[in-house]
Amino acid sequence: MDKIVVLDFGSQYSHLICRRIREFSVYAELVPFDISNDKLKQMNPKGIIFSGGPSSVYNKDSPRPDSKVFEMNLPLLGICYGHQLIVDNFGGRVKRSNKEYGHSTLTIDNSDSLLGGVGDSLRAWMSHGDEAEKIPDNFKVIGHTERSHAAAIANESESIYGIQFHPEVVHTENGIRILKNFVLDICKAKQEWTMEGFIEKTVNDISKIDGNVLCGVSGGIDSTVAALLIHKAIGNRLKCVFVDNGLLRLNEEHEIEKMFKDNFAVNFTPINAKERFVDGLKGIIDPEKKRKIVGEEFVRIFTEFAEKNGPFKWLAQGTLYPDVIESGVSKGPAAVIKTHHNVGGLPDWLKLEVLEPLRELYKDEVRKVAAILGVPKRLLMRHPFPGPGLAVRIIGEVTENKLHISKLASKIVEEELELAGWYDKVWQAYAAVGDDKAVGVVGDERKYGNIVIVRVVESIDAMTADWTRLPHEILAKISNRITNEIDEVTWVSYVISSKPPATIEPQ
C-alpha cells in the first residue's frame, strides 16, 4: 500500500497533515523528525512531508532530519518550519521577521503543479515568526503574501516544495486541494487506504496471535469496535470485561450491559467497582494524578480478573491515534497535552501484553469501521466519553455531590440537544462542575450553590474542536432545567473556548 510519511517537528498541527491525506484514501503516517534514513527507506514512502514546528532553523539546537533524507530522490514538501528547513538546507537564507498569525492572502505566481487548480489567490493560515529571505538556487517563487515574498517555493525538476502556510488546517482555502496535488499528482500515490482493507488486514494480523485476550470495554465506540475486531479474528479466545467505576453517565452501567447482551455475541462480564475508584480519588486534585489513578485501578481489576479466569496473554484496549499523540507516547517533540488512561497511564507492573487494534485510526475512521461491522446507529453516533469518566469533568476533588451534579446536568444537556435535533450535529456535549460557587435567589431566599459548566463542541477527530453556537433558546432551556432540577446549582455557564488553546475536557 502506498504511503506518505510525515516527519514531526513539534507542531500541534502535525497530526492534521496525516488526517487530511487519509481523507482522500492515501495512508499517511507520522514519525519522529530524527528517524534514521534506513528506517525511512524500510517504510518505502511515495513522498515525504516536513511538518511545522516551534523552532528556528538558525538556532544551534534546532531539530533537523537525517541529512540523507534530502538525497532519497523522493518528492518533498515542507510546511512552515519544514519550508524553512528546505530553504536552509539547499543554500537559501532564513531570517526572523514580523510575526504573521491568522489569515493572509496568498497570491499565486505559478499554478503548474503544487498550487494547480486553486485560483489566482486564496486565504492561507499563517503561524510563523521566521521567513525565507533568500530562496535557494534552482528554486522559484510560486506564491507570495504581503509579508512573505517567498510564501511558496518550488524546485520542479527535483519535486521539492516549500510553503510557509498550513494547508492542513480548515482555515486555509483549498488546503486539501494543495495536499492532493502533492500526494496524488506529484507523488503518484495510489488511493488504497480503505476501512474495508483495514478490517481485513487487522483481523488477519490478530488471528495469528497466541493466547487468550482480555478486553476492557467501556460501552463507547472505540472499545466496542476493538472487541468486535478481535472477536472476528479469534472468537471465544476473547473475553470482554466492563468495569462500572462509578464515574459514568447517569444509569450508563445498565445501558451498556443491555447493549452488549442484545447486540453482540461476545463473552461479556460486568464488574461493580464503584467504591474502589471513588475511594482512590479522595483528596486528589491534580488532573494527571486522577488520570493515573483511574488508569492503574482499571489495570488492577483486569489483572485480578485475568488471574481468576485466565490464563490471558493480552489486554486489549480501544486506543486511538489522537490518544497516542496527545499522551506524547508516539512520535515527535510535540508537548504532552494529557495522559490518556489507556496509553500513558499503564503501570510498569502490568503483566499482560497490550493489544491495540485501533492505534493508527482517527475517530471518524473508527466510526466507518463500526458501520461496516454492523454496530447499531445509536452507539455509532453516541458522543465520545473520556476513559477516566467524570473524574476529568469534575474540577478538583471527586466527591459524591459533584458526581451527582455532573451526572444529572449532563443528562439534561443531552436530552435538550436530542429534543432540539442537535445531538447528532455536535461532537460532544456535557456538564462539568468544580468547587466554585455563586449566589442565587430561589423564591425570595438567597442561596449559595454550585456553578455548572456546559461544554458543547464540534469536531472531526477531537484533535481540534470549536465551540458550538447553540441557539439561545436551547441554552436557556438547559440553564433553566439545571437550576430548577438540581438543588445544589445556582449558576450555569457556557464554554466558548476552542481547541486549541483549550482542550475538550477540562481536566
Protein backbone atom coordinates (compact mmCIF):
# COMPACT_ATOMS: atom_id res chain seq x y z
CA MET A 1 0.00 0.00 0.00
CA ASP A 2 1.33 3.42 -0.96
CA LYS A 3 2.04 5.78 1.92
CA ILE A 4 3.16 9.30 2.70
CA VAL A 5 5.47 9.81 5.66
CA VAL A 6 5.19 13.00 7.73
CA LEU A 7 8.23 13.98 9.81
CA ASP A 8 7.06 15.58 13.04
CA PHE A 9 8.99 18.70 14.07
CA GLY A 10 6.74 19.52 17.01
CA SER A 11 3.75 21.32 15.53
CA GLN A 12 0.36 20.71 17.14
CA TYR A 13 -0.88 20.59 13.53
CA SER A 14 1.37 17.67 12.54
CA HIS A 15 -1.33 15.06 13.04
CA LEU A 16 -3.71 17.06 10.87
CA ILE A 17 -1.47 16.57 7.84
CA CYS A 18 -1.91 12.80 8.17
CA ARG A 19 -5.60 13.20 8.86
CA ARG A 20 -6.23 15.26 5.74
CA ILE A 21 -4.27 12.90 3.50
CA ARG A 22 -6.22 9.90 4.78
CA GLU A 23 -9.44 11.71 3.86
CA PHE A 24 -8.66 11.03 0.21
CA SER A 25 -7.79 7.34 0.82
CA VAL A 26 -3.99 7.54 0.98
CA TYR A 27 -2.28 6.21 4.09
CA ALA A 28 -0.15 8.75 5.92
CA GLU A 29 1.95 8.13 9.00
CA LEU A 30 3.55 10.50 11.50
CA VAL A 31 7.12 9.65 12.56
CA PRO A 32 9.79 11.43 14.63
CA PHE A 33 11.78 14.05 12.78
CA ASP A 34 15.05 12.23 13.57
CA ILE A 35 14.02 8.86 12.14
CA SER A 36 17.04 7.17 10.58
CA ASN A 37 17.38 7.08 6.85
CA ASP A 38 17.44 3.28 6.96
CA LYS A 39 14.11 3.10 8.80
CA LEU A 40 12.63 5.65 6.46
CA LYS A 41 13.71 3.58 3.47
CA GLN A 42 12.10 0.49 5.01
CA MET A 43 8.80 2.35 5.14
CA ASN A 44 9.08 2.81 1.37
CA PRO A 45 7.14 6.08 1.16
CA LYS A 46 5.94 7.64 -2.06
CA GLY A 47 6.73 11.08 -0.67
CA ILE A 48 7.84 12.91 2.47
CA ILE A 49 6.35 15.92 4.25
CA PHE A 50 8.15 18.04 6.85
CA SER A 51 5.71 19.43 9.42
CA GLY A 52 5.77 22.81 11.07
CA GLY A 53 7.30 23.37 14.48
CA PRO A 54 8.18 25.98 17.11
CA SER A 55 11.93 26.13 16.40
CA SER A 56 14.06 28.39 14.20
CA VAL A 57 16.43 26.81 11.69
CA TYR A 58 19.23 29.23 12.55
CA ASN A 59 19.33 28.08 16.21
CA LYS A 60 22.07 25.60 17.09
CA ASP A 61 19.70 23.14 18.73
CA SER A 62 17.02 23.27 16.04
CA PRO A 63 15.61 19.84 15.12
CA ARG A 64 16.87 18.52 11.81
CA PRO A 65 16.25 15.33 9.88
CA ASP A 66 18.86 12.82 8.81
CA SER A 67 20.75 14.63 6.05
CA LYS A 68 20.31 11.63 3.75
CA VAL A 69 16.56 12.33 3.67
CA PHE A 70 17.31 15.10 1.19
CA GLU A 71 19.12 12.56 -1.06
CA MET A 72 16.33 9.99 -1.35
CA ASN A 73 15.07 11.38 -4.68
CA LEU A 74 11.52 11.41 -3.36
CA PRO A 75 9.02 14.24 -3.64
CA LEU A 76 9.39 16.51 -0.63
CA LEU A 77 7.01 19.10 0.81
CA GLY A 78 7.96 21.39 3.68
CA ILE A 79 5.24 23.18 5.68
CA CYS A 80 6.07 26.27 7.78
CA TYR A 81 9.21 25.21 9.73
CA GLY A 82 9.58 22.42 7.15
CA HIS A 83 9.59 25.07 4.42
CA GLN A 84 12.37 26.93 6.22
CA LEU A 85 14.36 23.71 6.59
CA ILE A 86 14.27 23.20 2.85
CA VAL A 87 15.36 26.79 2.24
CA ASP A 88 18.24 26.45 4.70
CA ASN A 89 19.36 23.01 3.53
CA PHE A 90 19.64 23.95 -0.13
CA GLY A 91 21.60 27.15 0.41
CA GLY A 92 18.93 29.77 0.96
CA ARG A 93 18.65 32.06 3.97
CA VAL A 94 16.03 32.30 6.71
CA LYS A 95 15.62 35.33 8.91
CA ARG A 96 13.45 36.47 11.79
CA SER A 97 10.53 38.51 10.59
CA ASN A 98 7.44 40.20 11.86
CA LYS A 99 5.15 37.52 13.26
CA GLU A 100 2.36 36.50 10.94
CA TYR A 101 -0.57 34.72 12.58
CA GLY A 102 -4.01 34.16 11.15
CA HIS A 103 -5.28 34.66 7.60
CA SER A 104 -3.18 36.14 4.82
CA THR A 105 -3.95 36.41 1.14
CA LEU A 106 -1.66 34.14 -0.87
CA THR A 107 -1.18 35.35 -4.43
CA ILE A 108 -0.40 32.51 -6.84
CA ASP A 109 2.62 33.22 -9.07
CA ASN A 110 2.75 29.77 -10.70
CA SER A 111 -0.01 27.19 -10.77
CA ASP A 112 1.64 24.43 -12.79
CA SER A 113 1.82 21.75 -10.09
CA LEU A 114 1.54 22.18 -6.32
CA LEU A 115 -0.81 25.16 -6.48
CA GLY A 116 -2.72 23.99 -9.53
CA GLY A 117 -6.48 24.46 -9.53
CA VAL A 118 -6.66 26.82 -6.55
CA GLY A 119 -7.26 30.01 -8.49
CA ASP A 120 -5.29 33.25 -8.62
CA SER A 121 -5.27 33.69 -4.82
CA LEU A 122 -6.52 32.09 -1.62
CA ARG A 123 -6.85 32.77 2.11
CA ALA A 124 -3.97 30.95 3.80
CA TRP A 125 -3.46 30.30 7.50
CA MET A 126 -0.13 31.60 8.76
CA SER A 127 1.60 30.86 12.05
CA HIS A 128 5.25 31.88 11.92
CA GLY A 129 7.89 34.35 13.09
CA ASP A 130 10.59 33.47 10.52
CA GLU A 131 10.62 33.74 6.74
CA ALA A 132 12.74 32.89 3.71
CA GLU A 133 14.87 35.95 2.99
CA LYS A 134 16.65 34.32 0.06
CA ILE A 135 15.49 31.19 -1.71
CA PRO A 136 17.99 28.56 -2.90
CA ASP A 137 19.29 28.34 -6.44
CA ASN A 138 17.16 26.19 -8.75
CA PHE A 139 14.02 27.19 -6.78
CA LYS A 140 11.39 29.66 -7.86
CA VAL A 141 8.69 31.54 -6.00
CA ILE A 142 5.23 30.14 -6.81
CA GLY A 143 3.24 32.10 -4.22
CA HIS A 144 3.62 35.18 -2.04
CA THR A 145 1.77 37.23 0.57
CA GLU A 146 2.06 40.87 1.52
CA ARG A 147 4.56 39.97 4.26
CA SER A 148 6.22 36.86 2.81
CA HIS A 149 7.71 37.31 -0.66
CA ALA A 150 8.50 33.56 -0.79
CA ALA A 151 5.47 32.01 0.90
CA ALA A 152 5.54 29.12 -1.59
CA ILE A 153 8.58 27.87 -3.49
CA ALA A 154 9.33 25.00 -5.84
CA ASN A 155 12.15 23.08 -7.47
CA GLU A 156 10.01 21.42 -10.13
CA SER A 157 12.77 19.26 -11.59
CA GLU A 158 13.50 17.66 -8.18
CA SER A 159 9.85 17.72 -6.96
CA ILE A 160 10.80 19.69 -3.84
CA TYR A 161 8.35 22.26 -2.49
CA GLY A 162 8.08 24.58 0.48
CA ILE A 163 5.07 26.53 1.74
CA GLN A 164 5.05 28.95 4.65
CA PHE A 165 1.34 28.47 5.39
CA HIS A 166 -0.64 25.49 6.72
CA PRO A 167 -2.77 23.67 4.10
CA GLU A 168 -3.78 21.04 6.68
CA VAL A 169 -5.98 23.40 8.73
CA VAL A 170 -9.53 24.16 7.67
CA HIS A 171 -8.76 27.89 7.78
CA THR A 172 -6.74 27.59 4.54
CA GLU A 173 -8.90 27.74 1.43
CA ASN A 174 -8.29 24.82 -0.94
CA GLY A 175 -5.78 23.36 1.51
CA ILE A 176 -7.00 19.85 0.72
CA ARG A 177 -6.55 20.54 -3.00
CA ILE A 178 -2.92 21.55 -2.40
CA LEU A 179 -2.25 18.35 -0.43
CA LYS A 180 -3.99 16.31 -3.14
CA ASN A 181 -1.80 17.94 -5.76
CA PHE A 182 1.30 16.89 -3.86
CA VAL A 183 0.18 13.39 -2.85
CA LEU A 184 -1.75 12.28 -5.93
CA ASP A 185 -0.19 14.22 -8.80
CA ILE A 186 3.40 14.77 -7.68
CA CYS A 187 3.97 11.66 -5.52
CA LYS A 188 1.66 9.49 -7.69
CA ALA A 189 0.35 7.75 -4.57
CA LYS A 190 -2.48 5.29 -5.11
CA GLN A 191 -5.72 5.72 -3.16
CA GLU A 192 -5.67 2.33 -1.44
CA TRP A 193 -6.39 3.22 2.21
CA THR A 194 -9.91 1.96 2.96
CA MET A 195 -11.61 0.79 6.13
CA GLU A 196 -12.57 -2.47 4.45
CA GLY A 197 -8.90 -3.08 3.78
CA PHE A 198 -8.04 -2.08 7.34
CA ILE A 199 -10.53 -4.59 8.76
CA GLU A 200 -9.21 -7.41 6.57
CA LYS A 201 -5.58 -6.75 7.47
CA THR A 202 -6.26 -6.23 11.19
CA VAL A 203 -8.36 -9.37 11.54
CA ASN A 204 -5.70 -11.35 9.69
CA ASP A 205 -2.91 -9.99 11.92
CA ILE A 206 -4.82 -10.65 15.17
CA SER A 207 -5.75 -14.18 14.08
CA LYS A 208 -2.04 -15.06 14.22
CA ILE A 209 -1.50 -14.15 17.90
CA ASP A 210 -1.17 -16.81 20.59
CA GLY A 211 -3.08 -16.94 23.85
CA ASN A 212 -6.36 -15.51 25.15
CA VAL A 213 -7.32 -11.83 25.07
CA LEU A 214 -8.96 -9.82 27.83
CA CYS A 215 -10.65 -6.69 26.51
CA GLY A 216 -11.80 -3.84 28.72
CA VAL A 217 -14.97 -2.38 27.21
CA SER A 218 -16.49 0.91 28.28
CA GLY A 219 -19.59 0.93 26.11
CA GLY A 220 -18.03 3.55 23.88
CA ILE A 221 -17.44 3.12 20.18
CA ASP A 222 -13.65 2.64 20.45
CA SER A 223 -13.50 -0.27 22.87
CA THR A 224 -16.60 -1.84 21.26
CA VAL A 225 -15.05 -1.83 17.79
CA ALA A 226 -11.77 -3.16 19.19
CA ALA A 227 -13.67 -6.03 20.82
CA LEU A 228 -15.61 -6.83 17.64
CA LEU A 229 -12.46 -6.90 15.51
CA ILE A 230 -10.69 -9.19 17.98
CA HIS A 231 -13.75 -11.45 18.27
CA LYS A 232 -13.91 -11.67 14.48
CA ALA A 233 -10.28 -12.82 14.50
CA ILE A 234 -10.08 -15.23 17.46
CA GLY A 235 -13.66 -15.93 18.53
CA ASN A 236 -14.02 -17.41 22.03
CA ARG A 237 -10.41 -16.72 22.94
CA LEU A 238 -11.66 -13.19 23.71
CA LYS A 239 -13.37 -12.23 26.97
CA CYS A 240 -14.81 -8.74 27.49
CA VAL A 241 -14.96 -7.07 30.90
CA PHE A 242 -16.99 -3.97 31.67
CA VAL A 243 -15.96 -2.13 34.84
CA ASP A 244 -18.52 0.13 36.48
CA ASN A 245 -16.19 2.68 38.06
CA GLY A 246 -18.90 4.97 39.41
CA LEU A 247 -17.66 7.70 37.07
CA LEU A 248 -20.09 7.01 34.23
CA ARG A 249 -23.04 8.93 32.87
CA LEU A 250 -26.39 8.60 34.63
CA ASN A 251 -27.61 4.96 34.55
CA GLU A 252 -24.98 4.18 31.93
CA GLU A 253 -23.89 0.92 33.55
CA HIS A 254 -27.32 -0.65 32.92
CA GLU A 255 -27.49 0.67 29.34
CA ILE A 256 -24.08 -0.76 28.46
CA GLU A 257 -24.81 -4.22 29.83
CA LYS A 258 -28.10 -4.35 27.91
CA MET A 259 -26.49 -3.12 24.70
CA PHE A 260 -23.82 -5.81 24.71
CA LYS A 261 -26.17 -8.63 25.59
CA ASP A 262 -28.73 -7.58 22.97
CA ASN A 263 -26.38 -6.81 20.06
CA PHE A 264 -23.05 -8.63 20.31
CA ALA A 265 -22.15 -12.31 20.59
CA VAL A 266 -19.08 -11.72 22.74
CA ASN A 267 -18.30 -13.12 26.18
CA PHE A 268 -19.26 -10.22 28.48
CA THR A 269 -18.69 -9.85 32.24
CA PRO A 270 -19.73 -6.74 34.25
CA ILE A 271 -17.81 -5.80 37.41
CA ASN A 272 -19.03 -3.30 40.02
CA ALA A 273 -16.02 -1.37 41.30
CA LYS A 274 -17.59 1.99 42.19
CA GLU A 275 -16.21 2.17 45.71
CA ARG A 276 -12.65 1.29 44.64
CA PHE A 277 -12.42 4.16 42.17
CA VAL A 278 -14.22 6.81 44.18
CA ASP A 279 -12.23 5.96 47.33
CA GLY A 280 -8.97 6.04 45.38
CA LEU A 281 -9.72 9.55 44.13
CA LYS A 282 -10.47 11.05 47.54
CA GLY A 283 -8.34 14.12 48.22
CA ILE A 284 -6.81 14.11 44.71
CA ILE A 285 -6.93 17.45 42.89
CA ASP A 286 -4.21 17.24 40.23
CA PRO A 287 -5.74 16.16 36.87
CA GLU A 288 -2.79 14.00 35.83
CA LYS A 289 -2.83 12.16 39.17
CA LYS A 290 -6.55 11.49 38.74
CA ARG A 291 -5.96 10.05 35.27
CA LYS A 292 -3.12 7.87 36.56
CA ILE A 293 -5.17 6.59 39.50
CA VAL A 294 -8.11 5.68 37.27
CA GLY A 295 -5.84 4.01 34.70
CA GLU A 296 -3.97 1.94 37.28
CA GLU A 297 -7.16 0.86 39.06
CA PHE A 298 -8.56 -0.40 35.76
CA VAL A 299 -5.43 -2.44 35.20
CA ARG A 300 -5.55 -3.87 38.76
CA ILE A 301 -9.10 -5.04 38.18
CA PHE A 302 -8.24 -6.53 34.79
CA THR A 303 -5.21 -8.25 36.31
CA GLU A 304 -7.31 -9.71 39.13
CA PHE A 305 -9.89 -10.94 36.65
CA ALA A 306 -7.17 -12.49 34.49
CA GLU A 307 -5.66 -14.35 37.45
CA LYS A 308 -9.06 -15.82 38.38
CA ASN A 309 -10.39 -16.53 34.90
CA GLY A 310 -7.28 -16.95 32.79
CA PRO A 311 -4.83 -17.64 31.54
CA PHE A 312 -4.69 -14.48 29.43
CA LYS A 313 -1.73 -13.21 27.45
CA TRP A 314 -3.17 -9.94 26.14
CA LEU A 315 -5.01 -6.88 27.44
CA ALA A 316 -6.90 -5.21 24.59
CA GLN A 317 -7.81 -1.52 24.54
CA GLY A 318 -9.54 0.91 22.19
CA THR A 319 -6.58 3.29 21.97
CA LEU A 320 -6.79 5.70 19.04
CA TYR A 321 -4.14 7.68 17.17
CA PRO A 322 -5.08 11.01 18.85
CA ASP A 323 -4.74 9.31 22.26
CA VAL A 324 -1.23 8.25 21.36
CA ILE A 325 -0.26 11.68 20.04
CA GLU A 326 -1.71 13.66 22.97
CA SER A 327 -0.06 11.37 25.51
CA GLY A 328 3.33 12.01 23.95
CA VAL A 329 3.93 8.30 23.60
CA SER A 330 4.46 8.18 19.91
CA LYS A 331 6.29 10.30 17.84
CA GLY A 332 7.93 13.69 17.69
CA PRO A 333 8.76 16.53 20.06
CA ALA A 334 5.19 17.81 20.47
CA ALA A 335 4.27 18.59 24.06
CA VAL A 336 2.29 16.10 26.12
CA ILE A 337 -1.21 17.52 26.40
CA LYS A 338 -2.62 14.98 28.82
CA THR A 339 -2.11 11.37 29.80
CA HIS A 340 -4.75 9.03 28.45
CA HIS A 341 -5.55 6.20 30.84
CA ASN A 342 -5.33 3.70 28.00
CA VAL A 343 -1.91 4.91 26.86
CA GLY A 344 0.43 6.66 29.20
CA GLY A 345 -1.40 5.57 32.33
CA LEU A 346 -0.44 1.89 32.10
CA PRO A 347 1.76 0.88 35.03
CA ASP A 348 5.11 -0.84 34.82
CA TRP A 349 3.81 -3.84 36.76
CA LEU A 350 1.27 -4.79 34.08
CA LYS A 351 1.81 -8.50 33.42
CA LEU A 352 -0.25 -8.67 30.23
CA GLU A 353 0.88 -7.63 26.79
CA VAL A 354 -1.13 -4.76 25.31
CA LEU A 355 -3.17 -5.23 22.12
CA GLU A 356 -4.40 -2.01 20.46
CA PRO A 357 -6.01 -2.77 17.09
CA LEU A 358 -7.22 0.83 16.56
CA ARG A 359 -3.97 2.54 17.45
CA GLU A 360 -3.45 4.01 13.97
CA LEU A 361 -7.04 5.23 13.43
CA TYR A 362 -8.77 8.53 13.95
CA LYS A 363 -12.24 8.72 15.50
CA ASP A 364 -14.18 9.13 12.28
CA GLU A 365 -12.30 6.18 10.79
CA VAL A 366 -13.37 4.07 13.77
CA ARG A 367 -16.98 5.03 13.10
CA LYS A 368 -16.61 3.89 9.50
CA VAL A 369 -15.26 0.55 10.72
CA ALA A 370 -18.13 0.29 13.20
CA ALA A 371 -20.71 0.84 10.45
CA ILE A 372 -19.12 -1.92 8.35
CA LEU A 373 -19.21 -4.28 11.36
CA GLY A 374 -22.91 -3.58 11.89
CA VAL A 375 -22.74 -1.57 15.11
CA PRO A 376 -26.20 -0.08 15.92
CA LYS A 377 -26.62 3.56 14.89
CA ARG A 378 -27.37 4.67 18.47
CA LEU A 379 -23.91 3.55 19.57
CA LEU A 380 -22.34 4.67 16.30
CA MET A 381 -23.39 8.29 16.84
CA ARG A 382 -23.02 8.34 20.60
CA HIS A 383 -20.85 11.16 21.85
CA PRO A 384 -17.31 10.25 22.96
CA PHE A 385 -16.79 9.78 26.67
CA PRO A 386 -13.38 10.04 28.34
CA GLY A 387 -11.77 6.87 29.66
CA PRO A 388 -11.34 8.31 33.17
CA GLY A 389 -15.02 9.23 33.03
CA LEU A 390 -16.36 12.05 35.18
CA ALA A 391 -13.05 12.24 37.03
CA VAL A 392 -11.88 14.61 34.28
CA ARG A 393 -15.16 16.53 34.13
CA ILE A 394 -15.07 17.23 37.84
CA ILE A 395 -12.60 20.02 38.54
CA GLY A 396 -10.71 19.44 41.76
CA GLU A 397 -11.52 16.58 44.13
CA VAL A 398 -14.08 13.99 43.02
CA THR A 399 -16.91 13.95 45.56
CA GLU A 400 -20.31 12.28 45.68
CA ASN A 401 -22.01 15.66 45.44
CA LYS A 402 -20.06 16.69 42.35
CA LEU A 403 -20.71 13.31 40.74
CA HIS A 404 -24.41 13.73 41.43
CA ILE A 405 -24.47 17.20 39.87
CA SER A 406 -22.39 16.27 36.83
CA LYS A 407 -24.49 13.19 36.03
CA LEU A 408 -27.83 14.96 36.29
CA ALA A 409 -26.69 18.12 34.48
CA SER A 410 -25.04 16.17 31.64
CA LYS A 411 -28.22 14.15 31.19
CA ILE A 412 -30.21 17.37 30.88
CA VAL A 413 -27.77 18.73 28.28
CA GLU A 414 -28.06 15.57 26.17
CA GLU A 415 -31.85 15.42 26.48
CA GLU A 416 -32.33 19.01 25.38
CA LEU A 417 -29.99 18.59 22.42
CA GLU A 418 -31.88 15.48 21.34
CA LEU A 419 -35.24 17.24 21.65
CA ALA A 420 -33.97 20.15 19.55
CA GLY A 421 -32.41 17.88 16.89
CA TRP A 422 -28.89 18.98 17.74
CA TYR A 423 -27.41 15.88 19.35
CA ASP A 424 -26.15 14.33 16.09
CA LYS A 425 -24.89 17.70 14.85
CA VAL A 426 -22.25 18.11 17.57
CA TRP A 427 -19.22 16.10 18.57
CA GLN A 428 -19.53 16.19 22.32
CA ALA A 429 -21.80 17.73 24.95
CA TYR A 430 -21.68 17.54 28.72
CA ALA A 431 -21.76 19.44 32.00
CA ALA A 432 -18.76 19.83 34.29
CA VAL A 433 -18.58 21.06 37.87
CA GLY A 434 -15.86 22.36 40.15
CA ASP A 435 -15.53 23.98 43.56
CA ASP A 436 -16.60 27.47 42.52
CA LYS A 437 -19.91 28.67 43.92
CA ALA A 438 -22.14 31.65 43.30
CA VAL A 439 -25.06 33.36 44.98
CA GLY A 440 -28.52 32.74 43.57
CA VAL A 441 -32.08 33.62 44.50
CA VAL A 442 -34.58 30.79 44.93
CA GLY A 443 -38.04 32.14 45.62
CA ASP A 444 -37.36 35.02 47.98
CA GLU A 445 -34.33 33.41 49.58
CA ARG A 446 -30.63 33.86 49.00
CA LYS A 447 -28.87 30.63 48.05
CA TYR A 448 -25.18 29.83 47.71
CA GLY A 449 -24.72 26.98 45.22
CA ASN A 450 -22.50 25.32 42.64
CA ILE A 451 -21.66 26.63 39.19
CA VAL A 452 -22.24 24.14 36.36
CA ILE A 453 -20.11 24.48 33.22
CA VAL A 454 -21.76 23.37 29.97
CA ARG A 455 -19.45 22.35 27.14
CA VAL A 456 -20.67 21.61 23.58
CA VAL A 457 -18.15 21.31 20.72
CA GLU A 458 -17.90 20.46 17.05
CA SER A 459 -15.03 18.36 15.75
CA ILE A 460 -13.98 15.68 13.26
CA ASP A 461 -11.26 13.82 15.11
CA ALA A 462 -11.03 15.50 18.55
CA MET A 463 -7.59 16.87 17.78
CA THR A 464 -9.11 20.27 17.10
CA ALA A 465 -12.55 21.48 18.11
CA ASP A 466 -14.69 24.58 18.03
CA TRP A 467 -17.40 25.57 20.48
CA THR A 468 -20.93 25.12 19.15
CA ARG A 469 -23.04 28.20 18.51
CA LEU A 470 -26.22 26.81 20.03
CA PRO A 471 -29.43 28.82 19.60
CA HIS A 472 -30.10 30.93 22.66
CA GLU A 473 -33.42 29.25 23.30
CA ILE A 474 -31.71 25.86 23.71
CA LEU A 475 -29.15 27.33 26.09
CA ALA A 476 -31.96 28.95 28.06
CA LYS A 477 -33.82 25.65 28.41
CA ILE A 478 -30.66 23.86 29.51
CA SER A 479 -29.91 26.51 32.10
CA ASN A 480 -33.46 26.62 33.43
CA ARG A 481 -33.69 22.86 33.78
CA ILE A 482 -30.33 22.53 35.52
CA THR A 483 -31.06 25.27 38.08
CA ASN A 484 -34.64 24.06 38.64
CA GLU A 485 -33.96 20.33 38.81
CA ILE A 486 -30.66 20.28 40.68
CA ASP A 487 -30.99 21.91 44.09
CA GLU A 488 -27.28 22.43 44.55
CA VAL A 489 -26.83 24.59 41.43
CA THR A 490 -27.38 28.35 41.19
CA TRP A 491 -25.42 29.33 38.07
CA VAL A 492 -24.89 27.78 34.61
CA SER A 493 -22.05 28.94 32.33
CA TYR A 494 -21.29 28.06 28.70
CA VAL A 495 -17.73 27.49 27.47
CA ILE A 496 -16.76 29.43 24.34
CA SER A 497 -13.11 28.34 24.11
CA SER A 498 -11.93 26.31 21.13
CA LYS A 499 -9.24 23.60 20.96
CA PRO A 500 -6.58 24.90 20.78
CA PRO A 501 -5.94 26.74 23.05
CA ALA A 502 -8.33 24.85 25.34
CA THR A 503 -8.92 21.11 25.42
CA ILE A 504 -12.31 19.43 25.06
CA GLU A 505 -12.29 18.05 28.59
CA PRO A 506 -11.49 20.46 31.44
CA GLN A 507 -9.02 18.09 33.09
